[in-house]
Amino acid sequence: MINRIVDNEFDQLLQHLGQNYSNCFYIYIDAITYGNTDPNVSFYRIGDEFKCVIMKYYDSIQIAGEVHSEDEANLLSFLKNEDVKMITGTKNTLTMLHNKMMSNGTHEYVEGMNYQYESYRIAKSPVKIERATKADARAIAELILSDQTFKNNYEIKTLEQQLSERIASAKGRSYVIKDAQKVIAHIATYAESEHVAVTSGMIVDKAYVNKGYSFYLESYIVNDLLGEGKKVFTQVFDKKRAKLLESLGATYCGDYAKLTRVN
């Protein structure tokens, strides 16, 4: 059975997730940041304990832990009733979902890797890097969705709302490079707490590639976060980028997978 996690169980949830969050950092950070009261975020558990936890965040679902065979039917039923665009979790769980529910072409399946930044080369940018404001959220969303990979993951209104909410509430930060007030490059923390952060949303306008902007942005935000004493994580899908991260001091934490609904 899948049950909504109630207020008097929330401390247990945080304690469980906090024991090993290197492969469930989004759920852990969002549980800390949003608690159990935000209307756009909800938490569930499979069974009586917290060995498998589900978080619904806007139009996406994340699953932390492995799903046992006896719980598969309950999870499949739960997901069929949820209108979500993206599901992430372990490779084992997502492979099962893909094979049993979403192998008819409705969803795209990809595998990725989790990394923790232990350090990152400090690089002085030749162009100004500035912290984005809420007014930049629409332009950032448009830039992100100019890339087909990201476009499959988000609706523009939802992404703009998420970016705007994070920026306004300081639950995340976005850094941008602009050219004549046009946002041409971006990176952000898509989840952030006092001690942990996850970087994502790195994108450069196609007209400005090969200028090193992604490297300068990543160096800026990672060193900013490490300097604040945070543990910093990211997720990657490309093996070349994984090797680059390792050469820059990142540590592999584990694999994960993602299912994205194809419109």
C-alpha atoms as a PDB file:
ATOM      1  CA  MET A   1       0.000   0.000   0.000  1.00  0.00           C
ATOM      2  CA  ILE A   2       1.135   3.549  -0.751  1.00  0.00           C
ATOM      3  CA  ASN A   3       0.402   6.079   1.990  1.00  0.00           C
ATOM      4  CA  ARG A   4       0.749   9.841   2.162  1.00  0.00           C
ATOM      5  CA  ILE A   5       3.373  10.769   4.761  1.00  0.00           C
ATOM      6  CA  VAL A   6       1.702  12.772   7.521  1.00  0.00           C
ATOM      7  CA  ASP A   7       3.133  15.464   9.756  1.00  0.00           C
ATOM      8  CA  ASN A   8       3.955  13.250  12.740  1.00  0.00           C
ATOM      9  CA  GLU A   9       5.999  10.944  10.472  1.00  0.00           C
ATOM     10  CA  PHE A  10       8.074  13.669   8.886  1.00  0.00           C
ATOM     11  CA  ASP A  11      10.959  13.599  11.351  1.00  0.00           C
ATOM     12  CA  GLN A  12      11.297   9.859  10.689  1.00  0.00           C
ATOM     13  CA  LEU A  13      11.365  10.556   6.951  1.00  0.00           C
ATOM     14  CA  LEU A  14      14.147  13.117   7.312  1.00  0.00           C
ATOM     15  CA  GLN A  15      16.138  10.818   9.558  1.00  0.00           C
ATOM     16  CA  HIS A  16      15.843   7.955   7.075  1.00  0.00           C
ATOM     17  CA  LEU A  17      16.759  10.038   4.019  1.00  0.00           C
ATOM     18  CA  GLY A  18      19.608  11.734   5.858  1.00  0.00           C
ATOM     19  CA  GLN A  19      21.398   8.455   6.521  1.00  0.00           C
ATOM     20  CA  ASN A  20      22.480   8.175   2.883  1.00  0.00           C
ATOM     21  CA  TYR A  21      21.296  10.943   0.578  1.00  0.00           C
ATOM     22  CA  SER A  22      23.989  10.713  -2.106  1.00  0.00           C
ATOM     23  CA  ASN A  23      21.503   8.931  -4.381  1.00  0.00           C
ATOM     24  CA  CYS A  24      18.296  10.634  -3.213  1.00  0.00           C
ATOM     25  CA  PHE A  25      19.508  14.203  -2.695  1.00  0.00           C
ATOM     26  CA  TYR A  26      16.552  15.859  -4.438  1.00  0.00           C
ATOM     27  CA  ILE A  27      13.994  14.220  -2.159  1.00  0.00           C
ATOM     28  CA  TYR A  28      16.138  14.843   0.920  1.00  0.00           C
ATOM     29  CA  ILE A  29      16.672  18.538   0.186  1.00  0.00           C
ATOM     30  CA  ASP A  30      13.059  19.153  -0.822  1.00  0.00           C
ATOM     31  CA  ALA A  31      11.820  17.423   2.317  1.00  0.00           C
ATOM     32  CA  ILE A  32      13.997  19.789   4.381  1.00  0.00           C
ATOM     33  CA  THR A  33      13.118  22.858   2.327  1.00  0.00           C
ATOM     34  CA  TYR A  34       9.379  22.475   1.759  1.00  0.00           C
ATOM     35  CA  GLY A  35       8.322  20.282   4.647  1.00  0.00           C
ATOM     36  CA  ASN A  36       4.879  18.754   4.466  1.00  0.00           C
ATOM     37  CA  THR A  37       2.838  21.896   3.845  1.00  0.00           C
ATOM     38  CA  ASP A  38       3.675  23.114   0.329  1.00  0.00           C
ATOM     39  CA  PRO A  39       0.760  22.430  -2.087  1.00  0.00           C
ATOM     40  CA  ASN A  40       3.163  21.659  -4.953  1.00  0.00           C
ATOM     41  CA  VAL A  41       5.172  19.029  -3.049  1.00  0.00           C
ATOM     42  CA  SER A  42       3.889  15.813  -1.475  1.00  0.00           C
ATOM     43  CA  PHE A  43       5.568  12.731   0.010  1.00  0.00           C
ATOM     44  CA  TYR A  44       4.473   9.092   0.122  1.00  0.00           C
ATOM     45  CA  ARG A  45       5.872   5.805   1.378  1.00  0.00           C
ATOM     46  CA  ILE A  46       5.400   2.271   0.123  1.00  0.00           C
ATOM     47  CA  GLY A  47       4.479  -0.015   3.013  1.00  0.00           C
ATOM     48  CA  ASP A  48       4.784   0.699   6.713  1.00  0.00           C
ATOM     49  CA  GLU A  49       8.407   1.877   6.728  1.00  0.00           C
ATOM     50  CA  PHE A  50      10.479   4.360   4.726  1.00  0.00           C
ATOM     51  CA  LYS A  51      12.530   1.961   2.633  1.00  0.00           C
ATOM     52  CA  CYS A  52      10.915   3.334  -0.537  1.00  0.00           C
ATOM     53  CA  VAL A  53       9.781   6.967  -0.608  1.00  0.00           C
ATOM     54  CA  ILE A  54       7.956   8.837  -3.376  1.00  0.00           C
ATOM     55  CA  MET A  55       7.963  12.612  -3.837  1.00  0.00           C
ATOM     56  CA  LYS A  56       5.662  14.462  -6.223  1.00  0.00           C
ATOM     57  CA  TYR A  57       7.114  17.870  -7.111  1.00  0.00           C
ATOM     58  CA  TYR A  58       4.868  19.879  -9.442  1.00  0.00           C
ATOM     59  CA  ASP A  59       4.533  17.595 -12.510  1.00  0.00           C
ATOM     60  CA  SER A  60       7.360  15.164 -11.711  1.00  0.00           C
ATOM     61  CA  ILE A  61       7.825  12.170  -9.417  1.00  0.00           C
ATOM     62  CA  GLN A  62      10.999  10.925  -7.771  1.00  0.00           C
ATOM     63  CA  ILE A  63      11.362   7.536  -6.157  1.00  0.00           C
ATOM     64  CA  ALA A  64      14.021   6.885  -3.505  1.00  0.00           C
ATOM     65  CA  GLY A  65      14.840   3.272  -2.711  1.00  0.00           C
ATOM     66  CA  GLU A  66      14.094  -0.019  -4.426  1.00  0.00           C
ATOM     67  CA  VAL A  67      10.584  -1.257  -5.147  1.00  0.00           C
ATOM     68  CA  HIS A  68      10.015  -4.888  -4.131  1.00  0.00           C
ATOM     69  CA  SER A  69       8.101  -7.167  -6.484  1.00  0.00           C
ATOM     70  CA  GLU A  70       5.113  -7.367  -4.132  1.00  0.00           C
ATOM     71  CA  ASP A  71       4.765  -3.559  -4.279  1.00  0.00           C
ATOM     72  CA  GLU A  72       5.016  -3.151  -8.046  1.00  0.00           C
ATOM     73  CA  ALA A  73       1.265  -3.351  -8.689  1.00  0.00           C
ATOM     74  CA  ASN A  74       0.557  -0.652  -6.080  1.00  0.00           C
ATOM     75  CA  LEU A  75       3.185   1.645  -7.573  1.00  0.00           C
ATOM     76  CA  LEU A  76       1.893   1.143 -11.109  1.00  0.00           C
ATOM     77  CA  SER A  77      -1.654   1.919  -9.971  1.00  0.00           C
ATOM     78  CA  PHE A  78      -0.462   5.026  -8.118  1.00  0.00           C
ATOM     79  CA  LEU A  79       1.427   6.359 -11.146  1.00  0.00           C
ATOM     80  CA  LYS A  80      -1.501   5.801 -13.493  1.00  0.00           C
ATOM     81  CA  ASN A  81      -3.550   8.171 -11.330  1.00  0.00           C
ATOM     82  CA  GLU A  82      -0.882  10.897 -11.288  1.00  0.00           C
ATOM     83  CA  ASP A  83      -0.528  13.298 -14.219  1.00  0.00           C
ATOM     84  CA  VAL A  84       3.248  13.662 -14.303  1.00  0.00           C
ATOM     85  CA  LYS A  85       5.690  14.428 -17.086  1.00  0.00           C
ATOM     86  CA  MET A  86       8.832  12.929 -15.578  1.00  0.00           C
ATOM     87  CA  ILE A  87       9.721  10.066 -13.213  1.00  0.00           C
ATOM     88  CA  THR A  88      13.203   9.457 -11.777  1.00  0.00           C
ATOM     89  CA  GLY A  89      14.623   6.739  -9.558  1.00  0.00           C
ATOM     90  CA  THR A  90      17.024   3.821  -9.504  1.00  0.00           C
ATOM     91  CA  LYS A  91      17.741   1.952 -12.731  1.00  0.00           C
ATOM     92  CA  ASN A  92      16.055  -1.172 -11.353  1.00  0.00           C
ATOM     93  CA  THR A  93      12.821   0.635 -10.514  1.00  0.00           C
ATOM     94  CA  LEU A  94      12.671   2.686 -13.700  1.00  0.00           C
ATOM     95  CA  THR A  95      13.470  -0.320 -15.879  1.00  0.00           C
ATOM     96  CA  MET A  96      10.570  -2.161 -14.274  1.00  0.00           C
ATOM     97  CA  LEU A  97       8.226   0.781 -14.874  1.00  0.00           C
ATOM     98  CA  HIS A  98       9.364   1.135 -18.443  1.00  0.00           C
ATOM     99  CA  ASN A  99       8.869  -2.555 -19.186  1.00  0.00           C
ATOM    100  CA  LYS A 100       5.507  -2.918 -17.460  1.00  0.00           C
ATOM    101  CA  MET A 101       3.808   0.403 -18.087  1.00  0.00           C
ATOM    102  CA  MET A 102       5.575   2.728 -20.453  1.00  0.00           C
ATOM    103  CA  SER A 103       7.270   0.710 -23.192  1.00  0.00           C
ATOM    104  CA  ASN A 104       4.663   1.561 -25.845  1.00  0.00           C
ATOM    105  CA  GLY A 105       6.398   4.738 -26.948  1.00  0.00           C
ATOM    106  CA  THR A 106       4.662   7.102 -24.518  1.00  0.00           C
ATOM    107  CA  HIS A 107       7.852   7.680 -22.507  1.00  0.00           C
ATOM    108  CA  GLU A 108      11.545   8.081 -23.230  1.00  0.00           C
ATOM    109  CA  TYR A 109      13.926   6.128 -20.985  1.00  0.00           C
ATOM    110  CA  VAL A 110      17.454   7.358 -20.238  1.00  0.00           C
ATOM    111  CA  GLU A 111      20.104   6.389 -17.695  1.00  0.00           C
ATOM    112  CA  GLY A 112      22.362   8.791 -15.814  1.00  0.00           C
ATOM    113  CA  MET A 113      24.931   9.114 -13.045  1.00  0.00           C
ATOM    114  CA  ASN A 114      25.066  10.984  -9.742  1.00  0.00           C
ATOM    115  CA  TYR A 115      28.226  12.898  -8.854  1.00  0.00           C
ATOM    116  CA  GLN A 116      29.455  14.865  -5.865  1.00  0.00           C
ATOM    117  CA  TYR A 117      31.805  17.791  -6.417  1.00  0.00           C
ATOM    118  CA  GLU A 118      34.734  17.512  -4.026  1.00  0.00           C
ATOM    119  CA  SER A 119      36.462  20.468  -5.680  1.00  0.00           C
ATOM    120  CA  TYR A 120      36.406  22.446  -8.925  1.00  0.00           C
ATOM    121  CA  ARG A 121      39.071  24.462 -10.657  1.00  0.00           C
ATOM    122  CA  ILE A 122      38.666  28.174  -9.951  1.00  0.00           C
ATOM    123  CA  ALA A 123      38.375  30.088 -13.224  1.00  0.00           C
ATOM    124  CA  LYS A 124      38.044  33.837 -13.611  1.00  0.00           C
ATOM    125  CA  SER A 125      35.355  34.594 -16.160  1.00  0.00           C
ATOM    126  CA  PRO A 126      36.139  37.193 -18.858  1.00  0.00           C
ATOM    127  CA  VAL A 127      32.442  38.154 -18.851  1.00  0.00           C
ATOM    128  CA  LYS A 128      30.179  39.211 -16.010  1.00  0.00           C
ATOM    129  CA  ILE A 129      28.367  36.454 -14.122  1.00  0.00           C
ATOM    130  CA  GLU A 130      25.399  37.735 -12.174  1.00  0.00           C
ATOM    131  CA  ARG A 131      22.823  36.256  -9.858  1.00  0.00           C
ATOM    132  CA  ALA A 132      19.442  36.088 -11.580  1.00  0.00           C
ATOM    133  CA  THR A 133      16.357  37.799 -10.239  1.00  0.00           C
ATOM    134  CA  LYS A 134      12.725  36.764 -10.432  1.00  0.00           C
ATOM    135  CA  ALA A 135      12.361  38.997 -13.499  1.00  0.00           C
ATOM    136  CA  ASP A 136      14.809  36.740 -15.370  1.00  0.00           C
ATOM    137  CA  ALA A 137      12.784  33.545 -14.840  1.00  0.00           C
ATOM    138  CA  ARG A 138      10.898  33.655 -18.156  1.00  0.00           C
ATOM    139  CA  ALA A 139      14.039  34.319 -20.208  1.00  0.00           C
ATOM    140  CA  ILE A 140      15.891  31.527 -18.395  1.00  0.00           C
ATOM    141  CA  ALA A 141      13.024  29.098 -19.013  1.00  0.00           C
ATOM    142  CA  GLU A 142      12.961  29.974 -22.703  1.00  0.00           C
ATOM    143  CA  LEU A 143      16.728  29.456 -22.981  1.00  0.00           C
ATOM    144  CA  ILE A 144      16.579  26.084 -21.197  1.00  0.00           C
ATOM    145  CA  LEU A 145      13.737  24.854 -23.395  1.00  0.00           C
ATOM    146  CA  SER A 146      15.576  25.876 -26.564  1.00  0.00           C
ATOM    147  CA  ASP A 147      17.459  22.599 -26.010  1.00  0.00           C
ATOM    148  CA  GLN A 148      15.385  19.582 -27.069  1.00  0.00           C
ATOM    149  CA  THR A 149      16.721  17.474 -24.180  1.00  0.00           C
ATOM    150  CA  PHE A 150      15.289  19.885 -21.621  1.00  0.00           C
ATOM    151  CA  LYS A 151      12.183  20.583 -23.718  1.00  0.00           C
ATOM    152  CA  ASN A 152      11.090  16.975 -23.272  1.00  0.00           C
ATOM    153  CA  ASN A 153      11.259  17.375 -19.489  1.00  0.00           C
ATOM    154  CA  TYR A 154       9.263  20.549 -18.834  1.00  0.00           C
ATOM    155  CA  GLU A 155       6.324  22.723 -19.781  1.00  0.00           C
ATOM    156  CA  ILE A 156       7.482  26.342 -20.028  1.00  0.00           C
ATOM    157  CA  LYS A 157       4.911  27.702 -17.552  1.00  0.00           C
ATOM    158  CA  THR A 158       5.827  25.065 -14.972  1.00  0.00           C
ATOM    159  CA  LEU A 159       9.559  25.630 -15.401  1.00  0.00           C
ATOM    160  CA  GLU A 160       9.162  29.412 -15.188  1.00  0.00           C
ATOM    161  CA  GLN A 161       7.089  28.991 -12.018  1.00  0.00           C
ATOM    162  CA  GLN A 162       9.684  26.695 -10.448  1.00  0.00           C
ATOM    163  CA  LEU A 163      12.580  29.023 -11.297  1.00  0.00           C
ATOM    164  CA  SER A 164      10.717  32.084 -10.096  1.00  0.00           C
ATOM    165  CA  GLU A 165       9.700  30.411  -6.836  1.00  0.00           C
ATOM    166  CA  ARG A 166      13.234  29.206  -6.094  1.00  0.00           C
ATOM    167  CA  ILE A 167      14.773  32.606  -6.830  1.00  0.00           C
ATOM    168  CA  ALA A 168      12.179  34.560  -4.868  1.00  0.00           C
ATOM    169  CA  SER A 169      12.254  32.279  -1.822  1.00  0.00           C
ATOM    170  CA  ALA A 170      16.032  31.642  -1.847  1.00  0.00           C
ATOM    171  CA  LYS A 171      15.304  27.902  -2.062  1.00  0.00           C
ATOM    172  CA  GLY A 172      17.652  27.868  -5.027  1.00  0.00           C
ATOM    173  CA  ARG A 173      19.888  30.228  -6.976  1.00  0.00           C
ATOM    174  CA  SER A 174      20.410  30.933 -10.670  1.00  0.00           C
ATOM    175  CA  TYR A 175      23.471  32.524 -12.227  1.00  0.00           C
ATOM    176  CA  VAL A 176      23.401  33.973 -15.719  1.00  0.00           C
ATOM    177  CA  ILE A 177      25.561  35.607 -18.358  1.00  0.00           C
ATOM    178  CA  LYS A 178      23.879  38.297 -20.417  1.00  0.00           C
ATOM    179  CA  ASP A 179      24.630  40.048 -23.680  1.00  0.00           C
ATOM    180  CA  ALA A 180      22.840  43.380 -24.023  1.00  0.00           C
ATOM    181  CA  GLN A 181      20.391  42.271 -21.292  1.00  0.00           C
ATOM    182  CA  LYS A 182      19.643  39.013 -23.123  1.00  0.00           C
ATOM    183  CA  VAL A 183      20.212  35.868 -21.042  1.00  0.00           C
ATOM    184  CA  ILE A 184      22.683  33.762 -23.038  1.00  0.00           C
ATOM    185  CA  ALA A 185      23.951  31.282 -20.433  1.00  0.00           C
ATOM    186  CA  HIS A 186      22.608  29.842 -17.184  1.00  0.00           C
ATOM    187  CA  ILE A 187      23.274  27.454 -14.319  1.00  0.00           C
ATOM    188  CA  ALA A 188      21.358  26.937 -11.088  1.00  0.00           C
ATOM    189  CA  THR A 189      20.768  24.948  -7.966  1.00  0.00           C
ATOM    190  CA  TYR A 190      17.535  23.043  -8.541  1.00  0.00           C
ATOM    191  CA  ALA A 191      17.492  22.048  -4.874  1.00  0.00           C
ATOM    192  CA  GLU A 192      19.338  23.651  -1.975  1.00  0.00           C
ATOM    193  CA  SER A 193      19.346  23.473   1.803  1.00  0.00           C
ATOM    194  CA  GLU A 194      21.684  24.801   4.460  1.00  0.00           C
ATOM    195  CA  HIS A 195      24.164  21.959   3.984  1.00  0.00           C
ATOM    196  CA  VAL A 196      23.402  20.344   0.595  1.00  0.00           C
ATOM    197  CA  ALA A 197      22.824  21.594  -2.969  1.00  0.00           C
ATOM    198  CA  VAL A 198      22.243  20.144  -6.447  1.00  0.00           C
ATOM    199  CA  THR A 199      23.347  21.966  -9.591  1.00  0.00           C
ATOM    200  CA  SER A 200      21.417  21.695 -12.839  1.00  0.00           C
ATOM    201  CA  GLY A 201      19.965  23.728 -15.697  1.00  0.00           C
ATOM    202  CA  MET A 202      23.312  24.468 -17.340  1.00  0.00           C
ATOM    203  CA  ILE A 203      22.667  25.835 -20.817  1.00  0.00           C
ATOM    204  CA  VAL A 204      24.354  28.202 -23.284  1.00  0.00           C
ATOM    205  CA  ASP A 205      22.628  29.915 -26.203  1.00  0.00           C
ATOM    206  CA  LYS A 206      23.637  28.161 -29.426  1.00  0.00           C
ATOM    207  CA  ALA A 207      24.997  31.432 -30.819  1.00  0.00           C
ATOM    208  CA  TYR A 208      27.498  31.640 -27.926  1.00  0.00           C
ATOM    209  CA  VAL A 209      28.873  28.108 -27.660  1.00  0.00           C
ATOM    210  CA  ASN A 210      32.608  27.358 -27.651  1.00  0.00           C
ATOM    211  CA  LYS A 211      33.355  30.417 -25.523  1.00  0.00           C
ATOM    212  CA  GLY A 212      33.814  28.499 -22.279  1.00  0.00           C
ATOM    213  CA  TYR A 213      30.725  30.013 -20.663  1.00  0.00           C
ATOM    214  CA  SER A 214      29.471  26.707 -19.231  1.00  0.00           C
ATOM    215  CA  PHE A 215      32.853  26.068 -17.605  1.00  0.00           C
ATOM    216  CA  TYR A 216      32.984  29.564 -16.094  1.00  0.00           C
ATOM    217  CA  LEU A 217      29.429  29.260 -14.761  1.00  0.00           C
ATOM    218  CA  GLU A 218      29.995  25.823 -13.287  1.00  0.00           C
ATOM    219  CA  SER A 219      33.253  26.911 -11.664  1.00  0.00           C
ATOM    220  CA  TYR A 220      31.512  29.966 -10.227  1.00  0.00           C
ATOM    221  CA  ILE A 221      28.502  28.210  -8.710  1.00  0.00           C
ATOM    222  CA  VAL A 222      30.329  25.110  -7.441  1.00  0.00           C
ATOM    223  CA  ASN A 223      33.044  27.113  -5.712  1.00  0.00           C
ATOM    224  CA  ASP A 224      30.408  29.480  -4.344  1.00  0.00           C
ATOM    225  CA  LEU A 225      28.532  26.543  -2.782  1.00  0.00           C
ATOM    226  CA  LEU A 226      31.634  24.712  -1.562  1.00  0.00           C
ATOM    227  CA  GLY A 227      32.830  27.966  -0.014  1.00  0.00           C
ATOM    228  CA  GLU A 228      29.614  28.043   2.014  1.00  0.00           C
ATOM    229  CA  GLY A 229      30.397  24.592   3.380  1.00  0.00           C
ATOM    230  CA  LYS A 230      27.739  22.744   1.387  1.00  0.00           C
ATOM    231  CA  LYS A 231      27.969  19.280  -0.093  1.00  0.00           C
ATOM    232  CA  VAL A 232      27.333  19.737  -3.798  1.00  0.00           C
ATOM    233  CA  PHE A 233      25.860  17.152  -6.187  1.00  0.00           C
ATOM    234  CA  THR A 234      24.843  16.975  -9.829  1.00  0.00           C
ATOM    235  CA  GLN A 235      23.380  14.492 -12.299  1.00  0.00           C
ATOM    236  CA  VAL A 236      24.772  13.722 -15.767  1.00  0.00           C
ATOM    237  CA  PHE A 237      23.709  11.593 -18.721  1.00  0.00           C
ATOM    238  CA  ASP A 238      26.705  11.974 -21.010  1.00  0.00           C
ATOM    239  CA  LYS A 239      29.754   9.766 -20.382  1.00  0.00           C
ATOM    240  CA  LYS A 240      32.147  12.408 -21.756  1.00  0.00           C
ATOM    241  CA  ARG A 241      30.792  14.929 -19.276  1.00  0.00           C
ATOM    242  CA  ALA A 242      31.139  12.342 -16.505  1.00  0.00           C
ATOM    243  CA  LYS A 243      34.816  11.915 -17.347  1.00  0.00           C
ATOM    244  CA  LEU A 244      35.260  15.701 -17.399  1.00  0.00           C
ATOM    245  CA  LEU A 245      33.690  15.997 -13.945  1.00  0.00           C
ATOM    246  CA  GLU A 246      35.973  13.296 -12.603  1.00  0.00           C
ATOM    247  CA  SER A 247      38.997  15.118 -14.007  1.00  0.00           C
ATOM    248  CA  LEU A 248      37.807  18.256 -12.200  1.00  0.00           C
ATOM    249  CA  GLY A 249      37.488  16.520  -8.840  1.00  0.00           C
ATOM    250  CA  ALA A 250      33.950  15.081  -8.777  1.00  0.00           C
ATOM    251  CA  THR A 251      33.198  11.680  -7.246  1.00  0.00           C
ATOM    252  CA  TYR A 252      30.793   9.127  -8.722  1.00  0.00           C
ATOM    253  CA  CYS A 253      27.935   8.305  -6.314  1.00  0.00           C
ATOM    254  CA  GLY A 254      25.734   5.885  -8.262  1.00  0.00           C
ATOM    255  CA  ASP A 255      23.410   5.397 -11.200  1.00  0.00           C
ATOM    256  CA  TYR A 256      19.846   6.523 -11.733  1.00  0.00           C
ATOM    257  CA  ALA A 257      17.320   6.592 -14.557  1.00  0.00           C
ATOM    258  CA  LYS A 258      14.576   8.835 -15.879  1.00  0.00           C
ATOM    259  CA  LEU A 259      11.315   8.355 -17.763  1.00  0.00           C
ATOM    260  CA  THR A 260      10.013  11.396 -19.652  1.00  0.00           C
ATOM    261  CA  ARG A 261       6.571  11.512 -21.229  1.00  0.00           C
ATOM    262  CA  VAL A 262       6.755  12.150 -24.957  1.00  0.00           C
ATOM    263  CA  ASN A 263       4.126  14.666 -26.032  1.00  0.00           C
END
